[in-house]
Amino acid sequence: MIIDRLNRRVAELRNPSIVGLDTHLMLLPAAMAERVDHADPMGSAAALILEFNKGLVDAIADIVPCVKVQVAYYEQYGWQGMKAFCETLAYARQKGLITIADCKRNDIGSTASAYANAYLGRTPFPQGKIASMDADFLTVNGYLGSDGVLPFVEACKAYDKGIFVLVKTSNPGSGELQDRSLGETTVFETMGDLVQAWGRETLGETGYAAVGAVVGATHPKQGEILRKRLPEVPFLVPGYGAQGATAADLSGLFDARGFGAYVNSSRGIIGAHKKSGLPYADAARDAALAMAEDLRGALSAVGRMDY
């Protein structure tokens, strides 16, 4: 199963980190950004972003198990940007990386099924079904309830894919809704319980389901509550680095073996060249290595790295 492949790759690399490809034109080195063709700004920007991403993937593919591609940064460049999004996913897969399409999709009924077809499954044609985005995982907004999530779960089971459902997000305003009390539980705990139930039929050999939760690194106490409450649910953990969370904050989100959480850093790695002055791929590689070592140190210090 996909979740087992991800966990095995984490163990092989001794690294539970993810690099987020939140790539936009202003993040590129100045010499690259200056190559935008003003007669075709959208198309040329998308081509440069893809070139940048390929350099990043080449630099980190032997360090990290997975990349997360945030669709919003590509949508802003129109259809050309979405082409770069698709080609970035394909290039990362080609280089052996597991891919997460960070799109937070959700709707009900047939619309949710269409989203699931687009990102995880196959799109029907008269001659058969054809893969479109073909990501390994997709982020999903579960706050519409089961009928907005189950089509994604069915795609996971049919095509050996996975999803990460928003549970306790990293943004400062998340508590306005997610921390509210529902009697003996909170909204985020209730959502976590739903996620665990949705994933029960996708449990892999490593003890985790293919239906996971997004749990922000910036809320470690709530993350620890969820880790104890949801032993079968893997966590996608944004918020490390640029958003302020440190490796030491995160050990409670992992199990005793060092599995169960995948920590994402985006700007801190793909924008590292802005501070270091190194070529962007070299700077990203150095930053990815430093993050891996930081996480290893924090997990080893509390006896939570058995690989």
C-alpha atoms as a PDB file:
ATOM      1  CA  MET A   1       0.000   0.000   0.000  1.00  0.00           C
ATOM      2  CA  ILE A   2       1.054   3.577  -0.600  1.00  0.00           C
ATOM      3  CA  ILE A   3       1.307   4.337   3.111  1.00  0.00           C
ATOM      4  CA  ASP A   4       3.665   1.381   3.570  1.00  0.00           C
ATOM      5  CA  ARG A   5       5.807   2.540   0.664  1.00  0.00           C
ATOM      6  CA  LEU A   6       6.046   5.981   2.226  1.00  0.00           C
ATOM      7  CA  ASN A   7       6.973   4.541   5.624  1.00  0.00           C
ATOM      8  CA  ARG A   8       9.572   2.225   4.099  1.00  0.00           C
ATOM      9  CA  ARG A   9      11.135   5.158   2.278  1.00  0.00           C
ATOM     10  CA  VAL A  10      11.179   7.194   5.506  1.00  0.00           C
ATOM     11  CA  ALA A  11      13.027   4.322   7.180  1.00  0.00           C
ATOM     12  CA  GLU A  12      15.487   3.882   4.297  1.00  0.00           C
ATOM     13  CA  LEU A  13      16.413   7.562   4.334  1.00  0.00           C
ATOM     14  CA  ARG A  14      16.037   7.947   8.108  1.00  0.00           C
ATOM     15  CA  ASN A  15      14.118  11.089   7.315  1.00  0.00           C
ATOM     16  CA  PRO A  16      10.405  11.842   7.914  1.00  0.00           C
ATOM     17  CA  SER A  17      10.540  15.211   6.169  1.00  0.00           C
ATOM     18  CA  ILE A  18       8.721  16.492   3.090  1.00  0.00           C
ATOM     19  CA  VAL A  19       9.685  19.362   0.816  1.00  0.00           C
ATOM     20  CA  GLY A  20       6.807  21.609  -0.219  1.00  0.00           C
ATOM     21  CA  LEU A  21       7.077  22.940  -3.749  1.00  0.00           C
ATOM     22  CA  ASP A  22       5.159  26.173  -3.108  1.00  0.00           C
ATOM     23  CA  THR A  23       6.873  27.681  -6.110  1.00  0.00           C
ATOM     24  CA  HIS A  24       6.092  31.107  -7.541  1.00  0.00           C
ATOM     25  CA  LEU A  25       7.975  33.482  -9.789  1.00  0.00           C
ATOM     26  CA  MET A  26       9.191  35.842  -7.062  1.00  0.00           C
ATOM     27  CA  LEU A  27      10.834  32.945  -5.234  1.00  0.00           C
ATOM     28  CA  LEU A  28      13.092  32.156  -8.168  1.00  0.00           C
ATOM     29  CA  PRO A  29      16.646  33.521  -8.353  1.00  0.00           C
ATOM     30  CA  ALA A  30      16.648  36.966  -9.929  1.00  0.00           C
ATOM     31  CA  ALA A  31      18.512  35.762 -12.989  1.00  0.00           C
ATOM     32  CA  MET A  32      15.770  33.215 -13.688  1.00  0.00           C
ATOM     33  CA  ALA A  33      12.866  35.563 -12.961  1.00  0.00           C
ATOM     34  CA  GLU A  34      14.314  38.129 -15.371  1.00  0.00           C
ATOM     35  CA  ARG A  35      13.831  35.629 -18.196  1.00  0.00           C
ATOM     36  CA  VAL A  36      10.064  36.107 -18.182  1.00  0.00           C
ATOM     37  CA  ASP A  37       8.821  36.892 -21.679  1.00  0.00           C
ATOM     38  CA  HIS A  38       6.554  39.922 -21.350  1.00  0.00           C
ATOM     39  CA  ALA A  39       4.777  38.894 -24.533  1.00  0.00           C
ATOM     40  CA  ASP A  40       3.766  35.648 -22.786  1.00  0.00           C
ATOM     41  CA  PRO A  41       4.102  36.240 -19.040  1.00  0.00           C
ATOM     42  CA  MET A  42       1.959  33.338 -17.862  1.00  0.00           C
ATOM     43  CA  GLY A  43       3.474  30.747 -20.163  1.00  0.00           C
ATOM     44  CA  SER A  44       7.061  31.813 -19.646  1.00  0.00           C
ATOM     45  CA  ALA A  45       6.632  32.053 -15.852  1.00  0.00           C
ATOM     46  CA  ALA A  46       5.163  28.552 -15.745  1.00  0.00           C
ATOM     47  CA  ALA A  47       8.058  27.207 -17.820  1.00  0.00           C
ATOM     48  CA  LEU A  48      10.594  28.823 -15.487  1.00  0.00           C
ATOM     49  CA  ILE A  49       8.805  27.455 -12.416  1.00  0.00           C
ATOM     50  CA  LEU A  50       8.944  23.961 -13.898  1.00  0.00           C
ATOM     51  CA  GLU A  51      12.646  24.386 -14.647  1.00  0.00           C
ATOM     52  CA  PHE A  52      13.244  25.534 -11.065  1.00  0.00           C
ATOM     53  CA  ASN A  53      11.252  22.613  -9.658  1.00  0.00           C
ATOM     54  CA  LYS A  54      13.168  20.083 -11.697  1.00  0.00           C
ATOM     55  CA  GLY A  55      16.427  21.471 -10.323  1.00  0.00           C
ATOM     56  CA  LEU A  56      15.055  21.194  -6.795  1.00  0.00           C
ATOM     57  CA  VAL A  57      13.852  17.630  -7.290  1.00  0.00           C
ATOM     58  CA  ASP A  58      17.221  16.584  -8.698  1.00  0.00           C
ATOM     59  CA  ALA A  59      18.928  18.106  -5.654  1.00  0.00           C
ATOM     60  CA  ILE A  60      16.765  16.482  -2.965  1.00  0.00           C
ATOM     61  CA  ALA A  61      15.520  13.189  -4.427  1.00  0.00           C
ATOM     62  CA  ASP A  62      18.094  11.130  -2.518  1.00  0.00           C
ATOM     63  CA  ILE A  63      17.408  12.960   0.781  1.00  0.00           C
ATOM     64  CA  VAL A  64      13.638  13.183   1.239  1.00  0.00           C
ATOM     65  CA  PRO A  65      10.951  10.560   0.630  1.00  0.00           C
ATOM     66  CA  CYS A  66       8.238  12.872  -0.613  1.00  0.00           C
ATOM     67  CA  VAL A  67       7.326  16.252  -2.086  1.00  0.00           C
ATOM     68  CA  LYS A  68       4.116  18.218  -1.624  1.00  0.00           C
ATOM     69  CA  VAL A  69       3.004  20.413  -4.531  1.00  0.00           C
ATOM     70  CA  GLN A  70       0.646  23.236  -3.491  1.00  0.00           C
ATOM     71  CA  VAL A  71      -1.736  23.872  -6.372  1.00  0.00           C
ATOM     72  CA  ALA A  72      -2.548  27.513  -5.515  1.00  0.00           C
ATOM     73  CA  TYR A  73       0.903  28.677  -6.535  1.00  0.00           C
ATOM     74  CA  TYR A  74       0.352  27.137  -9.978  1.00  0.00           C
ATOM     75  CA  GLU A  75      -3.285  28.107 -10.500  1.00  0.00           C
ATOM     76  CA  GLN A  76      -2.314  31.781 -10.358  1.00  0.00           C
ATOM     77  CA  TYR A  77      -0.456  31.283 -13.658  1.00  0.00           C
ATOM     78  CA  GLY A  78      -3.561  30.000 -15.420  1.00  0.00           C
ATOM     79  CA  TRP A  79      -3.681  26.856 -17.530  1.00  0.00           C
ATOM     80  CA  GLN A  80       0.053  27.122 -18.154  1.00  0.00           C
ATOM     81  CA  GLY A  81       0.624  27.032 -14.414  1.00  0.00           C
ATOM     82  CA  MET A  82      -1.568  23.953 -14.073  1.00  0.00           C
ATOM     83  CA  LYS A  83       0.467  22.304 -16.804  1.00  0.00           C
ATOM     84  CA  ALA A  84       3.604  23.037 -14.743  1.00  0.00           C
ATOM     85  CA  PHE A  85       1.810  21.560 -11.712  1.00  0.00           C
ATOM     86  CA  CYS A  86       1.075  18.313 -13.552  1.00  0.00           C
ATOM     87  CA  GLU A  87       4.560  18.112 -14.999  1.00  0.00           C
ATOM     88  CA  THR A  88       6.130  18.760 -11.594  1.00  0.00           C
ATOM     89  CA  LEU A  89       4.191  15.834 -10.124  1.00  0.00           C
ATOM     90  CA  ALA A  90       5.214  13.620 -13.025  1.00  0.00           C
ATOM     91  CA  TYR A  91       8.890  14.592 -12.797  1.00  0.00           C
ATOM     92  CA  ALA A  92       8.991  13.957  -9.055  1.00  0.00           C
ATOM     93  CA  ARG A  93       7.464  10.498  -9.546  1.00  0.00           C
ATOM     94  CA  GLN A  94       9.982   9.803 -12.298  1.00  0.00           C
ATOM     95  CA  LYS A  95      12.777  10.565  -9.823  1.00  0.00           C
ATOM     96  CA  GLY A  96      11.359   8.117  -7.274  1.00  0.00           C
ATOM     97  CA  LEU A  97       9.640  10.572  -4.949  1.00  0.00           C
ATOM     98  CA  ILE A  98       6.200  10.014  -3.458  1.00  0.00           C
ATOM     99  CA  THR A  99       3.923  12.927  -4.316  1.00  0.00           C
ATOM    100  CA  ILE A 100       1.253  14.847  -2.438  1.00  0.00           C
ATOM    101  CA  ALA A 101      -1.080  17.142  -4.379  1.00  0.00           C
ATOM    102  CA  ASP A 102      -1.945  19.822  -1.828  1.00  0.00           C
ATOM    103  CA  CYS A 103      -5.317  20.978  -3.139  1.00  0.00           C
ATOM    104  CA  LYS A 104      -7.691  20.646  -0.143  1.00  0.00           C
ATOM    105  CA  ARG A 105     -10.438  19.455  -2.447  1.00  0.00           C
ATOM    106  CA  ASN A 106     -13.965  18.708  -1.338  1.00  0.00           C
ATOM    107  CA  ASP A 107     -17.518  18.689  -2.561  1.00  0.00           C
ATOM    108  CA  ILE A 108     -20.452  16.310  -2.443  1.00  0.00           C
ATOM    109  CA  GLY A 109     -21.573  13.338  -4.514  1.00  0.00           C
ATOM    110  CA  SER A 110     -20.539  13.248  -8.151  1.00  0.00           C
ATOM    111  CA  THR A 111     -18.455  16.425  -7.849  1.00  0.00           C
ATOM    112  CA  ALA A 112     -16.276  14.872  -5.132  1.00  0.00           C
ATOM    113  CA  SER A 113     -15.951  11.806  -7.355  1.00  0.00           C
ATOM    114  CA  ALA A 114     -14.744  14.008 -10.209  1.00  0.00           C
ATOM    115  CA  TYR A 115     -12.096  15.566  -7.966  1.00  0.00           C
ATOM    116  CA  ALA A 116     -11.049  12.084  -6.850  1.00  0.00           C
ATOM    117  CA  ASN A 117     -10.801  10.977 -10.483  1.00  0.00           C
ATOM    118  CA  ALA A 118      -8.693  14.018 -11.341  1.00  0.00           C
ATOM    119  CA  TYR A 119      -6.074  13.752  -8.616  1.00  0.00           C
ATOM    120  CA  LEU A 120      -6.041  10.113  -7.512  1.00  0.00           C
ATOM    121  CA  GLY A 121      -8.013   7.893  -9.854  1.00  0.00           C
ATOM    122  CA  ARG A 122      -8.928   7.656 -13.488  1.00  0.00           C
ATOM    123  CA  THR A 123     -11.150   9.800 -15.718  1.00  0.00           C
ATOM    124  CA  PRO A 124     -13.756   7.848 -17.721  1.00  0.00           C
ATOM    125  CA  PHE A 125     -13.563   7.897 -21.523  1.00  0.00           C
ATOM    126  CA  PRO A 126     -15.513   5.837 -24.055  1.00  0.00           C
ATOM    127  CA  GLN A 127     -12.427   3.681 -24.596  1.00  0.00           C
ATOM    128  CA  GLY A 128     -11.670   3.265 -20.895  1.00  0.00           C
ATOM    129  CA  LYS A 129     -10.265   5.200 -17.933  1.00  0.00           C
ATOM    130  CA  ILE A 130      -7.168   7.431 -18.085  1.00  0.00           C
ATOM    131  CA  ALA A 131      -5.087   8.891 -15.257  1.00  0.00           C
ATOM    132  CA  SER A 132      -4.887  12.678 -15.046  1.00  0.00           C
ATOM    133  CA  MET A 133      -2.811  14.179 -12.190  1.00  0.00           C
ATOM    134  CA  ASP A 134      -2.007  10.733 -10.749  1.00  0.00           C
ATOM    135  CA  ALA A 135      -0.663  11.989  -7.405  1.00  0.00           C
ATOM    136  CA  ASP A 136       0.034   9.472  -4.643  1.00  0.00           C
ATOM    137  CA  PHE A 137      -1.789  11.520  -1.985  1.00  0.00           C
ATOM    138  CA  LEU A 138      -4.253  14.402  -2.006  1.00  0.00           C
ATOM    139  CA  THR A 139      -5.179  16.823   0.768  1.00  0.00           C
ATOM    140  CA  VAL A 140      -8.922  16.940   1.408  1.00  0.00           C
ATOM    141  CA  ASN A 141     -11.201  19.258   3.383  1.00  0.00           C
ATOM    142  CA  GLY A 142     -13.432  16.986   5.445  1.00  0.00           C
ATOM    143  CA  TYR A 143     -15.649  19.647   6.964  1.00  0.00           C
ATOM    144  CA  LEU A 144     -18.512  18.889   4.539  1.00  0.00           C
ATOM    145  CA  GLY A 145     -18.875  15.465   6.170  1.00  0.00           C
ATOM    146  CA  SER A 146     -18.777  11.881   4.970  1.00  0.00           C
ATOM    147  CA  ASP A 147     -20.452  12.344   1.593  1.00  0.00           C
ATOM    148  CA  GLY A 148     -17.683  14.783   0.683  1.00  0.00           C
ATOM    149  CA  VAL A 149     -14.894  12.405   1.706  1.00  0.00           C
ATOM    150  CA  LEU A 150     -15.986   8.866   0.898  1.00  0.00           C
ATOM    151  CA  PRO A 151     -15.502   9.262  -2.888  1.00  0.00           C
ATOM    152  CA  PHE A 152     -11.841  10.041  -2.156  1.00  0.00           C
ATOM    153  CA  VAL A 153     -11.603   7.034   0.162  1.00  0.00           C
ATOM    154  CA  GLU A 154     -13.046   4.809  -2.565  1.00  0.00           C
ATOM    155  CA  ALA A 155     -10.402   6.115  -4.980  1.00  0.00           C
ATOM    156  CA  CYS A 156      -7.724   5.320  -2.397  1.00  0.00           C
ATOM    157  CA  LYS A 157      -8.924   1.728  -2.176  1.00  0.00           C
ATOM    158  CA  ALA A 158      -9.341   1.296  -5.934  1.00  0.00           C
ATOM    159  CA  TYR A 159      -6.026   2.809  -7.019  1.00  0.00           C
ATOM    160  CA  ASP A 160      -3.728   2.376  -3.991  1.00  0.00           C
ATOM    161  CA  LYS A 161      -3.672   6.074  -3.157  1.00  0.00           C
ATOM    162  CA  GLY A 162      -3.947   8.115   0.027  1.00  0.00           C
ATOM    163  CA  ILE A 163      -5.471  11.304   1.393  1.00  0.00           C
ATOM    164  CA  PHE A 164      -4.713  13.684   4.237  1.00  0.00           C
ATOM    165  CA  VAL A 165      -7.846  15.294   5.680  1.00  0.00           C
ATOM    166  CA  LEU A 166      -7.738  18.695   7.400  1.00  0.00           C
ATOM    167  CA  VAL A 167      -8.074  18.127  11.148  1.00  0.00           C
ATOM    168  CA  LYS A 168      -6.009  20.668  13.121  1.00  0.00           C
ATOM    169  CA  THR A 169      -4.480  23.132  10.698  1.00  0.00           C
ATOM    170  CA  SER A 170      -1.352  25.234  11.236  1.00  0.00           C
ATOM    171  CA  ASN A 171      -2.837  28.700  10.642  1.00  0.00           C
ATOM    172  CA  PRO A 172      -3.323  31.035  13.651  1.00  0.00           C
ATOM    173  CA  GLY A 173      -7.076  31.263  13.142  1.00  0.00           C
ATOM    174  CA  SER A 174      -7.667  27.510  13.145  1.00  0.00           C
ATOM    175  CA  GLY A 175      -8.838  27.559  16.754  1.00  0.00           C
ATOM    176  CA  GLU A 176     -11.818  29.781  15.928  1.00  0.00           C
ATOM    177  CA  LEU A 177     -13.610  26.644  14.780  1.00  0.00           C
ATOM    178  CA  GLN A 178     -11.397  23.633  15.340  1.00  0.00           C
ATOM    179  CA  ASP A 179     -10.802  24.163  19.085  1.00  0.00           C
ATOM    180  CA  ARG A 180     -14.458  24.733  19.944  1.00  0.00           C
ATOM    181  CA  SER A 181     -15.975  22.372  22.465  1.00  0.00           C
ATOM    182  CA  LEU A 182     -18.544  19.770  21.484  1.00  0.00           C
ATOM    183  CA  GLY A 183     -19.281  18.637  25.002  1.00  0.00           C
ATOM    184  CA  GLU A 184     -16.614  16.122  25.956  1.00  0.00           C
ATOM    185  CA  THR A 185     -14.551  16.632  22.793  1.00  0.00           C
ATOM    186  CA  THR A 186     -13.455  19.434  20.487  1.00  0.00           C
ATOM    187  CA  VAL A 187     -14.243  19.930  16.828  1.00  0.00           C
ATOM    188  CA  PHE A 188     -10.738  18.831  15.807  1.00  0.00           C
ATOM    189  CA  GLU A 189     -10.952  15.678  17.940  1.00  0.00           C
ATOM    190  CA  THR A 190     -14.323  14.847  16.403  1.00  0.00           C
ATOM    191  CA  MET A 191     -12.904  15.335  12.926  1.00  0.00           C
ATOM    192  CA  GLY A 192      -9.958  13.134  13.865  1.00  0.00           C
ATOM    193  CA  ASP A 193     -12.329  10.384  14.973  1.00  0.00           C
ATOM    194  CA  LEU A 194     -14.098  10.582  11.615  1.00  0.00           C
ATOM    195  CA  VAL A 195     -10.787  10.360   9.773  1.00  0.00           C
ATOM    196  CA  GLN A 196      -9.844   7.231  11.703  1.00  0.00           C
ATOM    197  CA  ALA A 197     -13.214   5.656  10.889  1.00  0.00           C
ATOM    198  CA  TRP A 198     -12.956   6.549   7.193  1.00  0.00           C
ATOM    199  CA  GLY A 199      -9.554   4.878   6.975  1.00  0.00           C
ATOM    200  CA  ARG A 200     -10.268   1.589   8.730  1.00  0.00           C
ATOM    201  CA  GLU A 201     -10.439  -0.376   5.457  1.00  0.00           C
ATOM    202  CA  THR A 202      -7.125   1.048   4.212  1.00  0.00           C
ATOM    203  CA  LEU A 203      -4.824  -0.151   6.995  1.00  0.00           C
ATOM    204  CA  GLY A 204      -1.338  -1.103   5.832  1.00  0.00           C
ATOM    205  CA  GLU A 205       1.310  -3.509   7.113  1.00  0.00           C
ATOM    206  CA  THR A 206       3.133  -0.738   8.984  1.00  0.00           C
ATOM    207  CA  GLY A 207       0.052  -0.107  11.137  1.00  0.00           C
ATOM    208  CA  TYR A 208      -1.151   3.068   9.451  1.00  0.00           C
ATOM    209  CA  ALA A 209      -4.079   3.783   7.167  1.00  0.00           C
ATOM    210  CA  ALA A 210      -3.999   5.465   3.783  1.00  0.00           C
ATOM    211  CA  VAL A 211      -6.455   8.041   5.165  1.00  0.00           C
ATOM    212  CA  GLY A 212      -4.417  10.510   7.194  1.00  0.00           C
ATOM    213  CA  ALA A 213      -4.835  13.856   8.926  1.00  0.00           C
ATOM    214  CA  VAL A 214      -3.328  17.297   8.431  1.00  0.00           C
ATOM    215  CA  VAL A 215      -2.041  18.327  11.863  1.00  0.00           C
ATOM    216  CA  GLY A 216      -0.170  21.617  12.080  1.00  0.00           C
ATOM    217  CA  ALA A 217       3.292  21.691  13.619  1.00  0.00           C
ATOM    218  CA  THR A 218       2.391  25.022  15.205  1.00  0.00           C
ATOM    219  CA  HIS A 219      -0.072  23.298  17.559  1.00  0.00           C
ATOM    220  CA  PRO A 220       2.027  20.531  19.159  1.00  0.00           C
ATOM    221  CA  LYS A 221      -0.187  20.036  22.224  1.00  0.00           C
ATOM    222  CA  GLN A 222      -3.213  19.341  20.083  1.00  0.00           C
ATOM    223  CA  GLY A 223      -1.018  17.130  17.907  1.00  0.00           C
ATOM    224  CA  GLU A 224      -0.035  15.029  20.904  1.00  0.00           C
ATOM    225  CA  ILE A 225      -3.687  14.643  21.862  1.00  0.00           C
ATOM    226  CA  LEU A 226      -4.459  13.425  18.357  1.00  0.00           C
ATOM    227  CA  ARG A 227      -1.485  11.050  18.249  1.00  0.00           C
ATOM    228  CA  LYS A 228      -2.747   9.273  21.374  1.00  0.00           C
ATOM    229  CA  ARG A 229      -6.330   9.320  20.159  1.00  0.00           C
ATOM    230  CA  LEU A 230      -5.647   8.178  16.580  1.00  0.00           C
ATOM    231  CA  PRO A 231      -2.964   5.473  16.626  1.00  0.00           C
ATOM    232  CA  GLU A 232      -3.695   4.311  13.054  1.00  0.00           C
ATOM    233  CA  VAL A 233      -3.798   7.754  11.418  1.00  0.00           C
ATOM    234  CA  PRO A 234      -0.684   9.199   9.743  1.00  0.00           C
ATOM    235  CA  PHE A 235      -0.156  12.944  10.058  1.00  0.00           C
ATOM    236  CA  LEU A 236       0.902  15.413   7.400  1.00  0.00           C
ATOM    237  CA  VAL A 237       2.556  18.134   9.479  1.00  0.00           C
ATOM    238  CA  PRO A 238       2.935  21.615   7.921  1.00  0.00           C
ATOM    239  CA  GLY A 239       4.374  24.585   9.787  1.00  0.00           C
ATOM    240  CA  TYR A 240       8.001  23.610  10.418  1.00  0.00           C
ATOM    241  CA  GLY A 241      10.585  26.340   9.867  1.00  0.00           C
ATOM    242  CA  ALA A 242       9.142  29.468   8.323  1.00  0.00           C
ATOM    243  CA  GLN A 243       5.890  29.196  10.324  1.00  0.00           C
ATOM    244  CA  GLY A 244       7.824  28.844  13.570  1.00  0.00           C
ATOM    245  CA  ALA A 245       7.646  25.187  14.662  1.00  0.00           C
ATOM    246  CA  THR A 246      10.870  23.377  15.581  1.00  0.00           C
ATOM    247  CA  ALA A 247      11.798  19.696  15.525  1.00  0.00           C
ATOM    248  CA  ALA A 248      11.766  19.615  19.323  1.00  0.00           C
ATOM    249  CA  ASP A 249       8.084  20.635  19.244  1.00  0.00           C
ATOM    250  CA  LEU A 250       7.111  17.661  17.138  1.00  0.00           C
ATOM    251  CA  SER A 251       8.326  14.478  18.788  1.00  0.00           C
ATOM    252  CA  GLY A 252       4.906  13.872  20.357  1.00  0.00           C
ATOM    253  CA  LEU A 253       3.360  13.517  16.896  1.00  0.00           C
ATOM    254  CA  PHE A 254       5.433  10.381  16.164  1.00  0.00           C
ATOM    255  CA  ASP A 255       5.007   6.857  17.496  1.00  0.00           C
ATOM    256  CA  ALA A 256       7.737   5.015  19.395  1.00  0.00           C
ATOM    257  CA  ARG A 257       9.289   3.798  16.112  1.00  0.00           C
ATOM    258  CA  GLY A 258       9.542   7.243  14.566  1.00  0.00           C
ATOM    259  CA  PHE A 259       6.619   6.699  12.201  1.00  0.00           C
ATOM    260  CA  GLY A 260       3.246   8.382  11.931  1.00  0.00           C
ATOM    261  CA  ALA A 261       4.196  11.939  10.988  1.00  0.00           C
ATOM    262  CA  TYR A 262       5.667  13.562   7.872  1.00  0.00           C
ATOM    263  CA  VAL A 263       6.955  17.069   8.487  1.00  0.00           C
ATOM    264  CA  ASN A 264       6.733  19.588   5.666  1.00  0.00           C
ATOM    265  CA  SER A 265       8.963  22.574   4.993  1.00  0.00           C
ATOM    266  CA  SER A 266       8.396  24.744   1.945  1.00  0.00           C
ATOM    267  CA  ARG A 267       9.915  28.239   1.916  1.00  0.00           C
ATOM    268  CA  GLY A 268      12.701  27.256   4.294  1.00  0.00           C
ATOM    269  CA  ILE A 269      14.075  24.850   1.702  1.00  0.00           C
ATOM    270  CA  ILE A 270      13.050  26.055  -1.739  1.00  0.00           C
ATOM    271  CA  GLY A 271      13.803  29.678  -0.768  1.00  0.00           C
ATOM    272  CA  ALA A 272      17.039  28.925   1.092  1.00  0.00           C
ATOM    273  CA  HIS A 273      19.090  30.491  -1.708  1.00  0.00           C
ATOM    274  CA  LYS A 274      17.643  33.900  -0.827  1.00  0.00           C
ATOM    275  CA  LYS A 275      19.631  33.865   2.430  1.00  0.00           C
ATOM    276  CA  SER A 276      22.650  31.712   1.628  1.00  0.00           C
ATOM    277  CA  GLY A 277      23.735  33.194  -1.689  1.00  0.00           C
ATOM    278  CA  LEU A 278      24.380  29.684  -3.018  1.00  0.00           C
ATOM    279  CA  PRO A 279      22.915  28.393  -6.268  1.00  0.00           C
ATOM    280  CA  TYR A 280      19.312  27.532  -5.514  1.00  0.00           C
ATOM    281  CA  ALA A 281      19.628  23.756  -5.889  1.00  0.00           C
ATOM    282  CA  ASP A 282      22.714  23.633  -3.662  1.00  0.00           C
ATOM    283  CA  ALA A 283      21.046  25.811  -1.046  1.00  0.00           C
ATOM    284  CA  ALA A 284      17.913  23.622  -1.092  1.00  0.00           C
ATOM    285  CA  ARG A 285      19.990  20.477  -0.698  1.00  0.00           C
ATOM    286  CA  ASP A 286      21.856  21.925   2.277  1.00  0.00           C
ATOM    287  CA  ALA A 287      18.591  23.044   3.890  1.00  0.00           C
ATOM    288  CA  ALA A 288      16.967  19.643   3.329  1.00  0.00           C
ATOM    289  CA  LEU A 289      19.961  17.885   4.892  1.00  0.00           C
ATOM    290  CA  ALA A 290      19.860  20.245   7.871  1.00  0.00           C
ATOM    291  CA  MET A 291      16.149  19.620   8.394  1.00  0.00           C
ATOM    292  CA  ALA A 292      16.643  15.854   8.241  1.00  0.00           C
ATOM    293  CA  GLU A 293      19.413  16.047  10.809  1.00  0.00           C
ATOM    294  CA  ASP A 294      17.298  18.310  13.027  1.00  0.00           C
ATOM    295  CA  LEU A 295      14.409  15.825  13.007  1.00  0.00           C
ATOM    296  CA  ARG A 296      16.714  12.849  13.596  1.00  0.00           C
ATOM    297  CA  GLY A 297      18.267  14.585  16.572  1.00  0.00           C
ATOM    298  CA  ALA A 298      14.930  15.509  18.122  1.00  0.00           C
ATOM    299  CA  LEU A 299      13.478  12.018  17.693  1.00  0.00           C
ATOM    300  CA  SER A 300      16.626  10.255  18.879  1.00  0.00           C
ATOM    301  CA  ALA A 301      16.722  12.445  21.989  1.00  0.00           C
ATOM    302  CA  VAL A 302      13.367  11.034  23.116  1.00  0.00           C
ATOM    303  CA  GLY A 303      13.934   7.494  21.855  1.00  0.00           C
ATOM    304  CA  ARG A 304      11.514   7.744  18.949  1.00  0.00           C
ATOM    305  CA  MET A 305      13.632   6.716  15.993  1.00  0.00           C
ATOM    306  CA  ASP A 306      13.786   2.969  15.478  1.00  0.00           C
ATOM    307  CA  TYR A 307      15.123   3.008  11.936  1.00  0.00           C
END
